[in-house]
Amino acid sequence: GFYLVIRIYLKFGGGGFSGGSSGKTCEARHILVNDEKLANELKTKLTKKPKEFAKLAAEHSKCPSGKKGGSLGKFSPGQMVPAFDKVCFDPDIKLGEVVGPVKTQFGYHLISVDKRTGFEPPVEEESKKEK
């Protein structure tokens, strides 16, 4: 049930847990494709040449953001689907690291987080496992 808590937490912007405004934002880029095989091939390319993210997004992403190099701009928890938020708002995932493929109802995403704001080191996360 731990991930469920995190998912619910992200879905509702953390209001109940953090006493009001979480103030978290994230800037990220993604490439959205229909099949996992292509997503994995693109990820392999990006591992070798991370600078090609924008180019590959423009060539392959079926999201309109592909035209902007995959950039989704700045967003807060709850604005994206939960699986997406889980990556973007996970402080353990390094900025610039290409994560994925992440499956959503839209297809398979490769996600790269450019920037996070409003993050405190997580406190008492263990105690949330129970409920």
Foldseek 3Di string as FASTA:
>chain_A
DLVVLVLVCLQVQNCVPPVHHLPKKFKKFKAFAADPVVVVVVLVVCVVPVVCQLVCSLVGGPDPCNPVSRIPGMDGRNPDRSQVCVQGVDPVRDASRWDDLGQDPRHGMTMGIHDMPSDDPDPPSVVVVVD
